[in-house]
C-alpha atoms as a PDB file:
ATOM      1  CA  MET A   1     -33.758  49.991  53.520  1.00  0.00           C
ATOM      2  CA  THR A   2     -30.521  48.037  52.938  1.00  0.00           C
ATOM      3  CA  ARG A   3     -30.081  44.341  53.455  1.00  0.00           C
ATOM      4  CA  LEU A   4     -26.869  43.119  54.905  1.00  0.00           C
ATOM      5  CA  GLU A   5     -25.977  39.433  54.327  1.00  0.00           C
ATOM      6  CA  VAL A   6     -23.130  37.758  56.158  1.00  0.00           C
ATOM      7  CA  THR A   7     -21.916  34.295  55.235  1.00  0.00           C
ATOM      8  CA  LEU A   8     -20.852  32.270  58.255  1.00  0.00           C
ATOM      9  CA  VAL A   9     -17.618  30.306  58.205  1.00  0.00           C
ATOM     10  CA  SER A  10     -17.556  26.776  59.612  1.00  0.00           C
ATOM     11  CA  ASP A  11     -16.287  27.749  63.093  1.00  0.00           C
ATOM     12  CA  ALA A  12     -19.109  30.245  63.586  1.00  0.00           C
ATOM     13  CA  LEU A  13     -21.703  27.817  62.301  1.00  0.00           C
ATOM     14  CA  GLU A  14     -20.478  25.017  64.615  1.00  0.00           C
ATOM     15  CA  ARG A  15     -20.640  27.412  67.585  1.00  0.00           C
ATOM     16  CA  LEU A  16     -24.224  28.451  66.712  1.00  0.00           C
ATOM     17  CA  ALA A  17     -25.207  24.815  66.423  1.00  0.00           C
ATOM     18  CA  SER A  18     -23.681  23.757  69.682  1.00  0.00           C
ATOM     19  CA  ASP A  19     -24.536  26.697  71.895  1.00  0.00           C
ATOM     20  CA  PRO A  20     -27.641  28.932  71.591  1.00  0.00           C
ATOM     21  CA  SER A  21     -25.943  31.537  73.842  1.00  0.00           C
ATOM     22  CA  HIS A  22     -23.424  32.132  71.055  1.00  0.00           C
ATOM     23  CA  ALA A  23     -26.318  33.469  68.839  1.00  0.00           C
ATOM     24  CA  ARG A  24     -27.317  35.740  71.748  1.00  0.00           C
ATOM     25  CA  ALA A  25     -23.699  37.085  72.051  1.00  0.00           C
ATOM     26  CA  CYS A  26     -23.494  37.704  68.254  1.00  0.00           C
ATOM     27  CA  LEU A  27     -26.898  39.454  68.112  1.00  0.00           C
ATOM     28  CA  ASP A  28     -26.018  41.556  71.141  1.00  0.00           C
ATOM     29  CA  GLU A  29     -22.673  42.483  69.660  1.00  0.00           C
ATOM     30  CA  ILE A  30     -24.130  43.881  66.486  1.00  0.00           C
ATOM     31  CA  GLY A  31     -27.002  45.611  68.349  1.00  0.00           C
ATOM     32  CA  PHE A  32     -29.883  43.438  67.271  1.00  0.00           C
ATOM     33  CA  PRO A  33     -32.267  43.343  70.300  1.00  0.00           C
ATOM     34  CA  HIS A  34     -35.291  41.785  68.552  1.00  0.00           C
ATOM     35  CA  TYR A  35     -34.849  38.157  69.719  1.00  0.00           C
ATOM     36  CA  ASN A  36     -36.031  35.856  72.392  1.00  0.00           C
ATOM     37  CA  GLU A  37     -34.963  32.482  73.875  1.00  0.00           C
ATOM     38  CA  ALA A  38     -37.161  30.493  71.450  1.00  0.00           C
ATOM     39  CA  MET A  39     -35.503  32.242  68.449  1.00  0.00           C
ATOM     40  CA  LEU A  40     -32.065  31.438  69.766  1.00  0.00           C
ATOM     41  CA  GLY A  41     -32.990  27.805  70.028  1.00  0.00           C
ATOM     42  CA  GLU A  42     -34.426  27.704  66.644  1.00  0.00           C
ATOM     43  CA  ILE A  43     -31.305  29.311  65.109  1.00  0.00           C
ATOM     44  CA  SER A  44     -29.184  26.645  66.889  1.00  0.00           C
ATOM     45  CA  ARG A  45     -31.320  23.807  65.606  1.00  0.00           C
ATOM     46  CA  LEU A  46     -31.229  25.053  62.044  1.00  0.00           C
ATOM     47  CA  ALA A  47     -27.491  25.723  62.163  1.00  0.00           C
ATOM     48  CA  SER A  48     -26.976  22.120  63.199  1.00  0.00           C
ATOM     49  CA  GLU A  49     -28.614  20.892  59.971  1.00  0.00           C
ATOM     50  CA  SER A  50     -26.674  23.194  57.590  1.00  0.00           C
ATOM     51  CA  ARG A  51     -23.154  23.306  56.206  1.00  0.00           C
ATOM     52  CA  ALA A  52     -23.368  26.676  54.414  1.00  0.00           C
ATOM     53  CA  VAL A  53     -25.352  29.417  56.003  1.00  0.00           C
ATOM     54  CA  SER A  54     -25.698  33.143  55.743  1.00  0.00           C
ATOM     55  CA  VAL A  55     -27.601  35.587  57.952  1.00  0.00           C
ATOM     56  CA  GLN A  56     -29.470  38.672  56.804  1.00  0.00           C
ATOM     57  CA  PHE A  57     -30.400  41.894  58.519  1.00  0.00           C
ATOM     58  CA  ASP A  58     -32.249  44.892  57.177  1.00  0.00           C
ATOM     59  CA  ILE A  59     -30.821  48.320  57.985  1.00  0.00           C
ATOM     60  CA  LYS A  60     -33.220  51.220  58.195  1.00  0.00           C
ATOM     61  CA  GLU A  61     -32.455  54.675  56.831  1.00  0.00           C
ATOM     62  CA  ASP A  62     -31.516  55.963  60.296  1.00  0.00           C
ATOM     63  CA  GLY A  63     -28.821  53.189  60.537  1.00  0.00           C
ATOM     64  CA  THR A  64     -30.728  51.084  63.043  1.00  0.00           C
ATOM     65  CA  LEU A  65     -31.527  47.448  62.518  1.00  0.00           C
ATOM     66  CA  HIS A  66     -35.065  46.445  61.503  1.00  0.00           C
ATOM     67  CA  ASP A  67     -36.702  43.778  63.656  1.00  0.00           C
ATOM     68  CA  VAL A  68     -36.348  41.109  60.894  1.00  0.00           C
ATOM     69  CA  PHE A  69     -33.596  38.482  60.946  1.00  0.00           C
ATOM     70  CA  SER A  70     -33.146  35.723  58.374  1.00  0.00           C
ATOM     71  CA  LEU A  71     -31.023  32.609  58.282  1.00  0.00           C
ATOM     72  CA  VAL A  72     -30.375  31.225  54.784  1.00  0.00           C
ATOM     73  CA  SER A  73     -29.384  27.510  54.508  1.00  0.00           C
ATOM     74  CA  TYR A  74     -27.799  26.656  51.129  1.00  0.00           C
ATOM     75  CA  PHE A  75     -28.526  23.135  49.965  1.00  0.00           C
ATOM     76  CA  GLU A  76     -25.727  20.578  49.621  1.00  0.00           C
ATOM     77  CA  GLY A  77     -25.328  18.445  46.566  1.00  0.00           C
ATOM     78  CA  THR A  78     -27.297  20.487  44.131  1.00  0.00           C
ATOM     79  CA  GLY A  79     -26.619  20.144  40.413  1.00  0.00           C
ATOM     80  CA  ALA A  80     -26.924  16.873  38.508  1.00  0.00           C
ATOM     81  CA  ASN A  81     -27.747  14.954  41.661  1.00  0.00           C
ATOM     82  CA  PHE A  82     -30.434  17.303  42.940  1.00  0.00           C
ATOM     83  CA  ARG A  83     -32.926  14.484  43.536  1.00  0.00           C
ATOM     84  CA  ALA A  84     -30.670  13.230  46.363  1.00  0.00           C
ATOM     85  CA  LEU A  85     -31.795  16.356  48.362  1.00  0.00           C
ATOM     86  CA  PHE A  86     -35.274  14.785  48.639  1.00  0.00           C
ATOM     87  CA  GLU A  87     -34.101  11.358  49.944  1.00  0.00           C
ATOM     88  CA  PRO A  88     -35.152  10.790  53.589  1.00  0.00           C
ATOM     89  CA  ASP A  89     -31.680  11.654  54.724  1.00  0.00           C
ATOM     90  CA  GLY A  90     -31.205  14.384  52.013  1.00  0.00           C
ATOM     91  CA  HIS A  91     -30.272  17.859  53.089  1.00  0.00           C
ATOM     92  CA  MET A  92     -33.455  19.471  51.870  1.00  0.00           C
ATOM     93  CA  SER A  93     -35.667  16.843  53.527  1.00  0.00           C
ATOM     94  CA  ARG A  94     -33.886  17.308  56.849  1.00  0.00           C
ATOM     95  CA  ILE A  95     -34.154  21.127  56.763  1.00  0.00           C
ATOM     96  CA  CYS A  96     -37.805  21.116  55.681  1.00  0.00           C
ATOM     97  CA  GLU A  97     -38.755  18.497  58.212  1.00  0.00           C
ATOM     98  CA  LEU A  98     -37.169  20.725  60.877  1.00  0.00           C
ATOM     99  CA  TYR A  99     -39.176  23.699  59.499  1.00  0.00           C
ATOM    100  CA  GLU A 100     -42.335  21.536  59.884  1.00  0.00           C
ATOM    101  CA  ASP A 101     -41.331  20.657  63.454  1.00  0.00           C
ATOM    102  CA  LEU A 102     -40.787  24.309  64.228  1.00  0.00           C
ATOM    103  CA  GLY A 103     -44.176  25.258  62.809  1.00  0.00           C
ATOM    104  CA  ALA A 104     -42.613  27.324  59.999  1.00  0.00           C
ATOM    105  CA  ALA A 105     -43.750  24.975  57.125  1.00  0.00           C
ATOM    106  CA  ASP A 106     -46.301  22.405  56.223  1.00  0.00           C
ATOM    107  CA  ASP A 107     -45.807  19.425  53.894  1.00  0.00           C
ATOM    108  CA  ARG A 108     -46.121  21.339  50.655  1.00  0.00           C
ATOM    109  CA  TRP A 109     -42.245  21.385  50.342  1.00  0.00           C
ATOM    110  CA  ARG A 110     -42.593  17.745  49.296  1.00  0.00           C
ATOM    111  CA  HIS A 111     -44.147  18.888  45.985  1.00  0.00           C
ATOM    112  CA  VAL A 112     -41.077  20.960  45.065  1.00  0.00           C
ATOM    113  CA  GLU A 113     -39.359  17.909  43.553  1.00  0.00           C
ATOM    114  CA  GLY A 114     -41.973  17.863  40.778  1.00  0.00           C
ATOM    115  CA  ALA A 115     -40.991  21.436  39.738  1.00  0.00           C
ATOM    116  CA  LEU A 116     -37.339  20.508  39.247  1.00  0.00           C
ATOM    117  CA  PHE A 117     -35.819  19.521  36.019  1.00  0.00           C
ATOM    118  CA  ALA A 118     -32.677  19.381  33.904  1.00  0.00           C
ATOM    119  CA  LYS A 119     -33.601  19.130  30.265  1.00  0.00           C
ATOM    120  CA  HIS A 120     -31.504  19.279  27.083  1.00  0.00           C
ATOM    121  CA  TYR A 121     -33.037  19.938  23.683  1.00  0.00           C
ATOM    122  CA  CYS A 122     -32.064  21.283  20.329  1.00  0.00           C
ATOM    123  CA  GLU A 123     -33.609  24.459  19.033  1.00  0.00           C
ATOM    124  CA  ILE A 124     -33.067  26.399  15.810  1.00  0.00           C
ATOM    125  CA  LEU A 125     -31.839  29.847  16.748  1.00  0.00           C
ATOM    126  CA  GLY A 126     -30.904  32.298  14.033  1.00  0.00           C
ATOM    127  CA  GLY A 127     -30.966  29.493  11.494  1.00  0.00           C
ATOM    128  CA  MET A 128     -28.513  27.354  13.439  1.00  0.00           C
ATOM    129  CA  PRO A 129     -29.253  24.246  15.437  1.00  0.00           C
ATOM    130  CA  THR A 130     -28.400  25.123  19.077  1.00  0.00           C
ATOM    131  CA  MET A 131     -28.278  22.876  22.122  1.00  0.00           C
ATOM    132  CA  VAL A 132     -30.289  24.431  24.919  1.00  0.00           C
ATOM    133  CA  THR A 133     -30.212  23.295  28.546  1.00  0.00           C
ATOM    134  CA  GLY A 134     -33.003  24.302  30.888  1.00  0.00           C
ATOM    135  CA  LEU A 135     -32.541  23.852  34.612  1.00  0.00           C
ATOM    136  CA  SER A 136     -34.746  24.431  37.657  1.00  0.00           C
ATOM    137  CA  LEU A 137     -32.797  23.464  40.786  1.00  0.00           C
ATOM    138  CA  PRO A 138     -33.157  24.000  44.526  1.00  0.00           C
ATOM    139  CA  CYS A 139     -30.858  26.666  45.808  1.00  0.00           C
ATOM    140  CA  CYS A 140     -31.560  27.391  49.449  1.00  0.00           C
ATOM    141  CA  SER A 141     -34.187  27.812  52.120  1.00  0.00           C
ATOM    142  CA  LYS A 142     -34.776  30.811  54.383  1.00  0.00           C
ATOM    143  CA  ALA A 143     -35.962  30.931  57.971  1.00  0.00           C
ATOM    144  CA  LYS A 144     -37.200  34.315  58.958  1.00  0.00           C
ATOM    145  CA  TRP A 145     -38.100  35.935  62.254  1.00  0.00           C
ATOM    146  CA  LYS A 146     -39.836  39.240  62.949  1.00  0.00           C
ATOM    147  CA  ALA A 147     -39.445  40.644  66.431  1.00  0.00           C
ATOM    148  CA  GLY A 148     -38.354  37.151  67.644  1.00  0.00           C
ATOM    149  CA  SER A 149     -41.374  35.272  66.113  1.00  0.00           C
ATOM    150  CA  MET A 150     -40.654  32.765  63.402  1.00  0.00           C
ATOM    151  CA  LEU A 151     -42.415  33.453  60.060  1.00  0.00           C
ATOM    152  CA  PRO A 152     -43.158  30.862  57.369  1.00  0.00           C
ATOM    153  CA  ALA A 153     -40.037  29.387  55.844  1.00  0.00           C
ATOM    154  CA  LYS A 154     -39.211  29.653  52.108  1.00  0.00           C
ATOM    155  CA  ILE A 155     -37.507  27.464  49.535  1.00  0.00           C
ATOM    156  CA  TYR A 156     -35.732  29.180  46.594  1.00  0.00           C
ATOM    157  CA  LEU A 157     -35.271  27.614  43.237  1.00  0.00           C
ATOM    158  CA  THR A 158     -32.744  28.729  40.654  1.00  0.00           C
ATOM    159  CA  ALA A 159     -33.970  28.611  37.017  1.00  0.00           C
ATOM    160  CA  LEU A 160     -31.346  28.751  34.273  1.00  0.00           C
ATOM    161  CA  VAL A 161     -31.396  28.500  30.502  1.00  0.00           C
ATOM    162  CA  VAL A 162     -27.981  27.812  29.011  1.00  0.00           C
ATOM    163  CA  LEU A 163     -27.373  28.152  25.265  1.00  0.00           C
END
């Protein structure tokens, strides 16, 4: 199976957010029949809370589309100010609260903040003192549907070690 990911530009994202029938037209155009009205509304609601989004489809060996569709919402303001994502009006809080409202998440996402860090330390590597930076930052979240039914949402973290 092959996964196709398409990043949406601002015009497409705005149209998805403002008009659920736009999602229907797009899915029909590419030949993805595995949706329902509830899914179209959920896509529209999630698109309204995001600034950077991509959609994912799985292509089967025979060239047809699998019945799974994903919408990835990239978090705004990651990096040094990642804690702002968890503020009541922060991007991650808004998206995850929407996941809760849609029944795709519970409140465990609120514990993710404790797994995040940006630490600097000095370590001896090859006999030389070396500054090491370790980062664990939120990257994105993913809403996923199978045959039109929403599955549990996911949060993705990026872990980096920089020498």
